[in-house]
PDB file of N, CA and C in Angstrom:
ATOM      1  N   MET A   1      95.965 135.570  97.612  1.00  0.00           N
ATOM      2  CA  MET A   1      96.403 135.758  98.980  1.00  0.00           C
ATOM      3  C   MET A   1      95.232 135.436  99.901  1.00  0.00           C
ATOM      4  N   SER A   2      95.558 134.762 100.966  1.00  0.00           N
ATOM      5  CA  SER A   2      94.504 134.330 101.882  1.00  0.00           C
ATOM      6  C   SER A   2      93.969 135.509 102.690  1.00  0.00           C
ATOM      7  N   PRO A   3      92.766 135.379 103.224  1.00  0.00           N
ATOM      8  CA  PRO A   3      92.208 136.444 104.058  1.00  0.00           C
ATOM      9  C   PRO A   3      93.065 136.723 105.294  1.00  0.00           C
ATOM     10  N   VAL A   4      93.668 135.679 105.838  1.00  0.00           N
ATOM     11  CA  VAL A   4      94.522 135.860 107.017  1.00  0.00           C
ATOM     12  C   VAL A   4      95.753 136.677 106.645  1.00  0.00           C
ATOM     13  N   ALA A   5      96.354 136.357 105.513  1.00  0.00           N
ATOM     14  CA  ALA A   5      97.529 137.107 105.068  1.00  0.00           C
ATOM     15  C   ALA A   5      97.162 138.570 104.827  1.00  0.00           C
ATOM     16  N   LYS A   6      96.026 138.813 104.195  1.00  0.00           N
ATOM     17  CA  LYS A   6      95.584 140.191 103.947  1.00  0.00           C
ATOM     18  C   LYS A   6      95.376 140.937 105.261  1.00  0.00           C
ATOM     19  N   ALA A   7      94.777 140.261 106.235  1.00  0.00           N
ATOM     20  CA  ALA A   7      94.533 140.895 107.531  1.00  0.00           C
ATOM     21  C   ALA A   7      95.846 141.224 108.228  1.00  0.00           C
ATOM     22  N   LEU A   8      96.790 140.301 108.183  1.00  0.00           N
ATOM     23  CA  LEU A   8      98.088 140.559 108.808  1.00  0.00           C
ATOM     24  C   LEU A   8      98.796 141.736 108.144  1.00  0.00           C
ATOM     25  N   LEU A   9      98.786 141.751 106.819  1.00  0.00           N
ATOM     26  CA  LEU A   9      99.463 142.834 106.108  1.00  0.00           C
ATOM     27  C   LEU A   9      98.799 144.185 106.353  1.00  0.00           C
ATOM     28  N   SER A  10      97.508 144.191 106.567  1.00  0.00           N
ATOM     29  CA  SER A  10      96.802 145.461 106.782  1.00  0.00           C
ATOM     30  C   SER A  10      97.171 146.107 108.116  1.00  0.00           C
ATOM     31  N   VAL A  11      97.730 145.331 109.028  1.00  0.00           N
ATOM     32  CA  VAL A  11      98.110 145.860 110.339  1.00  0.00           C
ATOM     33  C   VAL A  11      99.370 146.723 110.232  1.00  0.00           C
ATOM     34  N   PHE A  12     100.232 146.409 109.279  1.00  0.00           N
ATOM     35  CA  PHE A  12     101.519 147.089 109.170  1.00  0.00           C
ATOM     36  C   PHE A  12     101.485 148.134 108.065  1.00  0.00           C
ATOM     37  N   ASP A  13     102.063 149.314 108.362  1.00  0.00           N
ATOM     38  CA  ASP A  13     102.047 150.429 107.419  1.00  0.00           C
ATOM     39  C   ASP A  13     103.350 150.551 106.634  1.00  0.00           C
ATOM     40  N   GLU A  14     104.460 150.344 107.288  1.00  0.00           N
ATOM     41  CA  GLU A  14     105.763 150.539 106.653  1.00  0.00           C
ATOM     42  C   GLU A  14     106.072 149.406 105.682  1.00  0.00           C
ATOM     43  N   ALA A  15     106.725 149.769 104.591  1.00  0.00           N
ATOM     44  CA  ALA A  15     107.046 148.780 103.553  1.00  0.00           C
ATOM     45  C   ALA A  15     107.939 147.671 104.089  1.00  0.00           C
ATOM     46  N   HIS A  16     108.921 148.029 104.929  1.00  0.00           N
ATOM     47  CA  HIS A  16     109.820 146.996 105.448  1.00  0.00           C
ATOM     48  C   HIS A  16     109.083 146.051 106.399  1.00  0.00           C
ATOM     49  N   GLU A  17     108.111 146.586 107.144  1.00  0.00           N
ATOM     50  CA  GLU A  17     107.311 145.733 108.029  1.00  0.00           C
ATOM     51  C   GLU A  17     106.474 144.756 107.204  1.00  0.00           C
ATOM     52  N   ARG A  18     105.884 145.274 106.143  1.00  0.00           N
ATOM     53  CA  ARG A  18     105.056 144.422 105.279  1.00  0.00           C
ATOM     54  C   ARG A  18     105.910 143.346 104.607  1.00  0.00           C
ATOM     55  N   LYS A  19     107.158 143.701 104.255  1.00  0.00           N
ATOM     56  CA  LYS A  19     108.060 142.723 103.646  1.00  0.00           C
ATOM     57  C   LYS A  19     108.372 141.602 104.639  1.00  0.00           C
ATOM     58  N   VAL A  20     108.614 141.962 105.891  1.00  0.00           N
ATOM     59  CA  VAL A  20     108.885 140.954 106.926  1.00  0.00           C
ATOM     60  C   VAL A  20     107.670 140.049 107.104  1.00  0.00           C
ATOM     61  N   VAL A  21     106.490 140.643 107.145  1.00  0.00           N
ATOM     62  CA  VAL A  21     105.267 139.857 107.308  1.00  0.00           C
ATOM     63  C   VAL A  21     105.067 138.932 106.108  1.00  0.00           C
ATOM     64  N   ARG A  22     105.310 139.420 104.901  1.00  0.00           N
ATOM     65  CA  ARG A  22     105.193 138.562 103.709  1.00  0.00           C
ATOM     66  C   ARG A  22     106.162 137.381 103.790  1.00  0.00           C
ATOM     67  N   THR A  23     107.386 137.659 104.238  1.00  0.00           N
ATOM     68  CA  THR A  23     108.385 136.593 104.383  1.00  0.00           C
ATOM     69  C   THR A  23     107.927 135.566 105.409  1.00  0.00           C
ATOM     70  N   LEU A  24     107.388 136.038 106.520  1.00  0.00           N
ATOM     71  CA  LEU A  24     106.891 135.122 107.553  1.00  0.00           C
ATOM     72  C   LEU A  24     105.711 134.299 107.048  1.00  0.00           C
ATOM     73  N   ILE A  25     104.810 134.941 106.325  1.00  0.00           N
ATOM     74  CA  ILE A  25     103.654 134.226 105.768  1.00  0.00           C
ATOM     75  C   ILE A  25     104.125 133.164 104.786  1.00  0.00           C
ATOM     76  N   LYS A  26     105.076 133.517 103.930  1.00  0.00           N
ATOM     77  CA  LYS A  26     105.597 132.564 102.944  1.00  0.00           C
ATOM     78  C   LYS A  26     106.263 131.378 103.655  1.00  0.00           C
ATOM     79  N   ALA A  27     107.041 131.660 104.697  1.00  0.00           N
ATOM     80  CA  ALA A  27     107.693 130.586 105.453  1.00  0.00           C
ATOM     81  C   ALA A  27     106.650 129.688 106.112  1.00  0.00           C
ATOM     82  N   PHE A  28     105.610 130.294 106.649  1.00  0.00           N
ATOM     83  CA  PHE A  28     104.541 129.515 107.275  1.00  0.00           C
ATOM     84  C   PHE A  28     103.841 128.639 106.243  1.00  0.00           C
ATOM     85  N   GLU A  29     103.543 129.209 105.075  1.00  0.00           N
ATOM     86  CA  GLU A  29     102.878 128.437 104.019  1.00  0.00           C
ATOM     87  C   GLU A  29     103.748 127.277 103.556  1.00  0.00           C
ATOM     88  N   MET A  30     105.054 127.509 103.438  1.00  0.00           N
ATOM     89  CA  MET A  30     105.959 126.436 103.015  1.00  0.00           C
ATOM     90  C   MET A  30     106.023 125.332 104.071  1.00  0.00           C
ATOM     91  N   GLN A  31     106.052 125.734 105.352  1.00  0.00           N
ATOM     92  CA  GLN A  31     106.077 124.742 106.425  1.00  0.00           C
ATOM     93  C   GLN A  31     104.781 123.939 106.437  1.00  0.00           C
ATOM     94  N   MET A  32     103.663 124.620 106.214  1.00  0.00           N
ATOM     95  CA  MET A  32     102.381 123.917 106.159  1.00  0.00           C
ATOM     96  C   MET A  32     102.365 122.933 104.994  1.00  0.00           C
ATOM     97  N   ALA A  33     102.904 123.332 103.853  1.00  0.00           N
ATOM     98  CA  ALA A  33     102.956 122.435 102.696  1.00  0.00           C
ATOM     99  C   ALA A  33     103.824 121.219 103.008  1.00  0.00           C
ATOM    100  N   ASP A  34     104.962 121.447 103.666  1.00  0.00           N
ATOM    101  CA  ASP A  34     105.827 120.326 104.058  1.00  0.00           C
ATOM    102  C   ASP A  34     105.101 119.391 105.016  1.00  0.00           C
ATOM    103  N   ASN A  35     104.360 119.965 105.957  1.00  0.00           N
ATOM    104  CA  ASN A  35     103.611 119.147 106.917  1.00  0.00           C
ATOM    105  C   ASN A  35     102.542 118.312 106.219  1.00  0.00           C
ATOM    106  N   VAL A  36     101.864 118.909 105.252  1.00  0.00           N
ATOM    107  CA  VAL A  36     100.831 118.180 104.511  1.00  0.00           C
ATOM    108  C   VAL A  36     101.456 117.028 103.731  1.00  0.00           C
ATOM    109  N   ILE A  37     102.595 117.285 103.087  1.00  0.00           N
ATOM    110  CA  ILE A  37     103.281 116.221 102.341  1.00  0.00           C
ATOM    111  C   ILE A  37     103.688 115.098 103.283  1.00  0.00           C
ATOM    112  N   GLU A  38     104.226 115.450 104.441  1.00  0.00           N
ATOM    113  CA  GLU A  38     104.627 114.435 105.422  1.00  0.00           C
ATOM    114  C   GLU A  38     103.423 113.622 105.898  1.00  0.00           C
ATOM    115  N   LEU A  39     102.324 114.289 106.158  1.00  0.00           N
ATOM    116  CA  LEU A  39     101.115 113.588 106.583  1.00  0.00           C
ATOM    117  C   LEU A  39     100.582 112.671 105.488  1.00  0.00           C
ATOM    118  N   MET A  40     100.643 113.125 104.250  1.00  0.00           N
ATOM    119  CA  MET A  40     100.199 112.283 103.133  1.00  0.00           C
ATOM    120  C   MET A  40     101.079 111.040 103.008  1.00  0.00           C
ATOM    121  N   ASN A  41     102.392 111.210 103.195  1.00  0.00           N
ATOM    122  CA  ASN A  41     103.298 110.062 103.162  1.00  0.00           C
ATOM    123  C   ASN A  41     102.990 109.093 104.296  1.00  0.00           C
ATOM    124  N   ASP A  42     102.739 109.642 105.498  1.00  0.00           N
ATOM    125  CA  ASP A  42     102.384 108.794 106.637  1.00  0.00           C
ATOM    126  C   ASP A  42     101.083 108.048 106.371  1.00  0.00           C
ATOM    127  N   LEU A  43     100.122 108.740 105.782  1.00  0.00           N
ATOM    128  CA  LEU A  43      98.847 108.109 105.450  1.00  0.00           C
ATOM    129  C   LEU A  43      99.048 106.989 104.442  1.00  0.00           C
ATOM    130  N   GLY A  44      99.864 107.237 103.436  1.00  0.00           N
ATOM    131  CA  GLY A  44     100.151 106.204 102.441  1.00  0.00           C
ATOM    132  C   GLY A  44     100.787 104.980 103.073  1.00  0.00           C
ATOM    133  N   ALA A  45     101.730 105.199 103.994  1.00  0.00           N
ATOM    134  CA  ALA A  45     102.383 104.080 104.679  1.00  0.00           C
ATOM    135  C   ALA A  45     101.381 103.329 105.552  1.00  0.00           C
ATOM    136  N   ALA A  46     100.503 104.058 106.223  1.00  0.00           N
ATOM    137  CA  ALA A  46      99.497 103.414 107.072  1.00  0.00           C
ATOM    138  C   ALA A  46      98.518 102.591 106.236  1.00  0.00           C
ATOM    139  N   ILE A  47      98.124 103.105 105.098  1.00  0.00           N
ATOM    140  CA  ILE A  47      97.214 102.363 104.215  1.00  0.00           C
ATOM    141  C   ILE A  47      97.889 101.100 103.706  1.00  0.00           C
ATOM    142  N   GLN A  48      99.158 101.205 103.343  1.00  0.00           N
ATOM    143  CA  GLN A  48      99.892 100.031 102.868  1.00  0.00           C
ATOM    144  C   GLN A  48     100.005  98.990 103.979  1.00  0.00           C
ATOM    145  N   HIS A  49     100.308  99.449 105.191  1.00  0.00           N
ATOM    146  CA  HIS A  49     100.411  98.528 106.326  1.00  0.00           C
ATOM    147  C   HIS A  49      99.065  97.850 106.595  1.00  0.00           C
ATOM    148  N   ARG A  50      97.991  98.626 106.526  1.00  0.00           N
ATOM    149  CA  ARG A  50      96.651  98.073 106.729  1.00  0.00           C
ATOM    150  C   ARG A  50      96.336  97.011 105.686  1.00  0.00           C
ATOM    151  N   ASP A  51      96.660  97.312 104.435  1.00  0.00           N
ATOM    152  CA  ASP A  51      96.390  96.356 103.358  1.00  0.00           C
ATOM    153  C   ASP A  51      97.197  95.074 103.536  1.00  0.00           C
ATOM    154  N   GLU A  52      98.456  95.211 103.952  1.00  0.00           N
ATOM    155  CA  GLU A  52      99.284  94.030 104.203  1.00  0.00           C
ATOM    156  C   GLU A  52      98.710  93.208 105.356  1.00  0.00           C
ATOM    157  N   ALA A  53      98.262  93.887 106.402  1.00  0.00           N
ATOM    158  CA  ALA A  53      97.680  93.187 107.546  1.00  0.00           C
ATOM    159  C   ALA A  53      96.393  92.466 107.148  1.00  0.00           C
ATOM    160  N   ARG A  54      95.586  93.099 106.323  1.00  0.00           N
ATOM    161  CA  ARG A  54      94.349  92.453 105.859  1.00  0.00           C
ATOM    162  C   ARG A  54      94.659  91.226 105.012  1.00  0.00           C
ATOM    163  N   THR A  55      95.664  91.328 104.148  1.00  0.00           N
ATOM    164  CA  THR A  55      96.059  90.187 103.316  1.00  0.00           C
ATOM    165  C   THR A  55      96.521  89.035 104.193  1.00  0.00           C
ATOM    166  N   GLU A  56      97.339  89.358 105.177  1.00  0.00           N
ATOM    167  CA  GLU A  56      97.827  88.327 106.101  1.00  0.00           C
ATOM    168  C   GLU A  56      96.669  87.720 106.894  1.00  0.00           C
ATOM    169  N   ARG A  57      95.767  88.555 107.364  1.00  0.00           N
ATOM    170  CA  ARG A  57      94.598  88.074 108.100  1.00  0.00           C
ATOM    171  C   ARG A  57      93.762  87.133 107.240  1.00  0.00           C
ATOM    172  N   ASP A  58      93.523  87.528 105.998  1.00  0.00           N
ATOM    173  CA  ASP A  58      92.726  86.699 105.097  1.00  0.00           C
ATOM    174  C   ASP A  58      93.399  85.360 104.826  1.00  0.00           C
ATOM    175  N   PHE A  59      94.731  85.367 104.705  1.00  0.00           N
ATOM    176  CA  PHE A  59      95.469  84.125 104.490  1.00  0.00           C
ATOM    177  C   PHE A  59      95.282  83.190 105.685  1.00  0.00           C
ATOM    178  N   TYR A  60      95.501  83.714 106.895  1.00  0.00           N
ATOM    179  CA  TYR A  60      95.376  82.867 108.080  1.00  0.00           C
ATOM    180  C   TYR A  60      93.934  82.439 108.329  1.00  0.00           C
ATOM    181  N   LYS A  61      92.990  83.283 107.979  1.00  0.00           N
ATOM    182  CA  LYS A  61      91.582  82.913 108.111  1.00  0.00           C
ATOM    183  C   LYS A  61      91.261  81.749 107.181  1.00  0.00           C
ATOM    184  N   ALA A  62      91.767  81.804 105.951  1.00  0.00           N
ATOM    185  CA  ALA A  62      91.544  80.711 104.996  1.00  0.00           C
ATOM    186  C   ALA A  62      92.204  79.425 105.488  1.00  0.00           C
ATOM    187  N   GLN A  63      93.405  79.545 106.040  1.00  0.00           N
ATOM    188  CA  GLN A  63      94.095  78.374 106.587  1.00  0.00           C
ATOM    189  C   GLN A  63      93.290  77.766 107.734  1.00  0.00           C
ATOM    190  N   PHE A  64      92.777  78.623 108.608  1.00  0.00           N
ATOM    191  CA  PHE A  64      91.986  78.155 109.738  1.00  0.00           C
ATOM    192  C   PHE A  64      90.726  77.443 109.254  1.00  0.00           C
ATOM    193  N   GLU A  65      90.060  78.025 108.261  1.00  0.00           N
ATOM    194  CA  GLU A  65      88.834  77.409 107.744  1.00  0.00           C
ATOM    195  C   GLU A  65      89.120  76.053 107.113  1.00  0.00           C
ATOM    196  N   GLN A  66      90.259  75.922 106.438  1.00  0.00           N
ATOM    197  CA  GLN A  66      90.629  74.629 105.856  1.00  0.00           C
ATOM    198  C   GLN A  66      90.873  73.586 106.945  1.00  0.00           C
ATOM    199  N   VAL A  67      91.595  73.984 107.980  1.00  0.00           N
ATOM    200  CA  VAL A  67      91.863  73.054 109.089  1.00  0.00           C
ATOM    201  C   VAL A  67      90.563  72.693 109.789  1.00  0.00           C
ATOM    202  N   GLN A  68      89.701  73.663 109.977  1.00  0.00           N
ATOM    203  CA  GLN A  68      88.419  73.411 110.628  1.00  0.00           C
ATOM    204  C   GLN A  68      87.584  72.426 109.804  1.00  0.00           C
ATOM    205  N   ALA A  69      87.571  72.577 108.496  1.00  0.00           N
ATOM    206  CA  ALA A  69      86.825  71.655 107.629  1.00  0.00           C
ATOM    207  C   ALA A  69      87.405  70.249 107.718  1.00  0.00           C
ATOM    208  N   ARG A  70      88.724  70.142 107.769  1.00  0.00           N
ATOM    209  CA  ARG A  70      89.358  68.829 107.903  1.00  0.00           C
ATOM    210  C   ARG A  70      89.012  68.176 109.237  1.00  0.00           C
ATOM    211  N   LEU A  71      89.004  68.983 110.296  1.00  0.00           N
ATOM    212  CA  LEU A  71      88.650  68.442 111.616  1.00  0.00           C
ATOM    213  C   LEU A  71      87.205  67.956 111.641  1.00  0.00           C
ATOM    214  N   GLU A  72      86.317  68.727 111.029  1.00  0.00           N
ATOM    215  CA  GLU A  72      84.915  68.307 110.987  1.00  0.00           C
ATOM    216  C   GLU A  72      84.768  67.009 110.201  1.00  0.00           C
ATOM    217  N   ALA A  73      85.531  66.870 109.128  1.00  0.00           N
ATOM    218  CA  ALA A  73      85.488  65.627 108.345  1.00  0.00           C
ATOM    219  C   ALA A  73      86.010  64.454 109.171  1.00  0.00           C
ATOM    220  N   LEU A  74      87.076  64.697 109.920  1.00  0.00           N
ATOM    221  CA  LEU A  74      87.624  63.630 110.775  1.00  0.00           C
ATOM    222  C   LEU A  74      86.658  63.268 111.900  1.00  0.00           C
ATOM    223  N   GLN A  75      86.000  64.269 112.466  1.00  0.00           N
ATOM    224  CA  GLN A  75      85.044  64.001 113.542  1.00  0.00           C
ATOM    225  C   GLN A  75      83.859  63.206 113.015  1.00  0.00           C
ATOM    226  N   GLY A  76      83.494  63.430 111.769  1.00  0.00           N
ATOM    227  CA  GLY A  76      82.399  62.680 111.159  1.00  0.00           C
ATOM    228  C   GLY A  76      82.757  61.213 110.993  1.00  0.00           C
ATOM    229  N   ARG A  77      84.019  60.929 110.813  1.00  0.00           N
ATOM    230  CA  ARG A  77      84.468  59.544 110.663  1.00  0.00           C
ATOM    231  C   ARG A  77      84.516  58.809 111.994  1.00  0.00           C
ATOM    232  N   VAL A  78      84.784  59.543 113.050  1.00  0.00           N
ATOM    233  CA  VAL A  78      84.957  58.900 114.365  1.00  0.00           C
ATOM    234  C   VAL A  78      83.661  58.642 115.015  1.00  0.00           C
TER     235      VAL A  78
END
């Protein structure tokens, strides 16, 4: 049990009050876990998008360098 949960439970004396607090703490912990999972999924999607963008960037950079080399070769002929 976390220190925060222990502190919250120590405030309440009656068993039914402590049960309500435990239920609230459990609900909060579950919501936090759901939020973490959602954030991890978002992070995974962002990393995938970044990797796709880098791949696309590298492809176009290579294409540009090839065209640039061809232009330099043509300029050397002229």
